Amino acid sequence: MGKFVVSPTTYATDCGRFRASFALKQARGDGSHCQVFSSDKTFASRNAARLFAVTQAWLQTCMLKPPSC
């Protein structure tokens, strides 16, 4: 996603559904900045959770000034 590195991840919940999260890393000058976003939504499949994470990461990178956690 351009100047960003996106690392989506999914994990199973106790009830057999899946949650999504992603790390968004951006290089800035001599350093870098990394944020981790987690969703409280659950999904029926690992693929659905991963798609949600990638989509949310894409939305974050498109925003001029994304909200901070």
Protein backbone atom coordinates (compact mmCIF):
# COMPACT_ATOMS: atom_id res chain seq x y z
CA MET A 1 0.00 0.00 0.00
CA GLY A 2 2.56 2.55 -1.10
CA LYS A 3 4.67 3.90 1.74
CA PHE A 4 2.89 1.72 4.31
CA VAL A 5 3.48 -1.85 5.43
CA VAL A 6 0.27 -3.60 6.43
CA SER A 7 0.31 -6.78 8.50
CA PRO A 8 -3.19 -8.22 8.84
CA THR A 9 -3.82 -11.05 11.27
CA THR A 10 -6.77 -13.13 12.43
CA TYR A 11 -7.34 -15.28 15.46
CA ALA A 12 -10.03 -17.70 16.57
CA THR A 13 -12.33 -16.85 19.47
CA ASP A 14 -13.55 -19.29 22.11
CA CYS A 15 -16.89 -19.63 20.31
CA GLY A 16 -15.29 -20.68 17.00
CA ARG A 17 -15.59 -17.34 15.23
CA PHE A 18 -12.70 -15.10 14.18
CA ARG A 19 -11.45 -11.62 15.08
CA ALA A 20 -9.31 -9.33 12.94
CA SER A 21 -6.47 -6.94 13.63
CA PHE A 22 -3.74 -5.28 11.64
CA ALA A 23 -0.51 -3.42 12.15
CA LEU A 24 0.18 -0.36 10.03
CA LYS A 25 3.81 0.72 9.75
CA GLN A 26 4.95 3.91 8.06
CA ALA A 27 8.53 5.05 7.48
CA ARG A 28 9.17 8.66 8.52
CA GLY A 29 12.58 10.14 7.93
CA ASP A 30 15.11 8.26 10.04
CA GLY A 31 12.49 6.31 11.98
CA SER A 32 9.18 4.60 11.57
CA HIS A 33 5.78 4.70 13.16
CA CYS A 34 3.65 1.63 13.84
CA GLN A 35 0.05 1.40 15.01
CA VAL A 36 -1.94 -1.73 15.82
CA PHE A 37 -5.70 -1.79 15.28
CA SER A 38 -8.01 -4.49 16.65
CA SER A 39 -11.64 -5.11 15.89
CA ASP A 40 -14.23 -6.20 18.41
CA LYS A 41 -16.39 -7.64 15.62
CA THR A 42 -16.40 -11.38 15.01
CA PHE A 43 -16.59 -13.14 11.66
CA ALA A 44 -17.77 -16.57 10.56
CA SER A 45 -14.55 -17.37 8.68
CA ARG A 46 -10.86 -16.55 8.84
CA ASN A 47 -11.03 -15.21 5.26
CA ALA A 48 -13.82 -12.78 6.16
CA ALA A 49 -11.82 -11.50 9.14
CA ARG A 50 -8.71 -11.08 6.98
CA LEU A 51 -10.66 -9.22 4.30
CA PHE A 52 -12.03 -6.88 6.96
CA ALA A 53 -8.51 -6.22 8.32
CA VAL A 54 -7.07 -5.47 4.86
CA THR A 55 -10.02 -3.21 4.00
CA GLN A 56 -9.71 -1.28 7.25
CA ALA A 57 -5.96 -0.87 6.69
CA TRP A 58 -6.61 0.45 3.19
CA LEU A 59 -9.13 2.95 4.57
CA GLN A 60 -6.61 4.11 7.20
CA THR A 61 -3.94 4.71 4.55
CA CYS A 62 -6.37 6.70 2.36
CA MET A 63 -7.32 9.14 5.11
CA LEU A 64 -5.31 12.37 5.19
CA LYS A 65 -5.32 12.44 8.97
CA PRO A 66 -6.49 9.08 10.35
CA PRO A 67 -7.91 8.97 13.87
CA SER A 68 -5.53 7.77 16.54
CA CYS A 69 -6.38 4.95 18.90
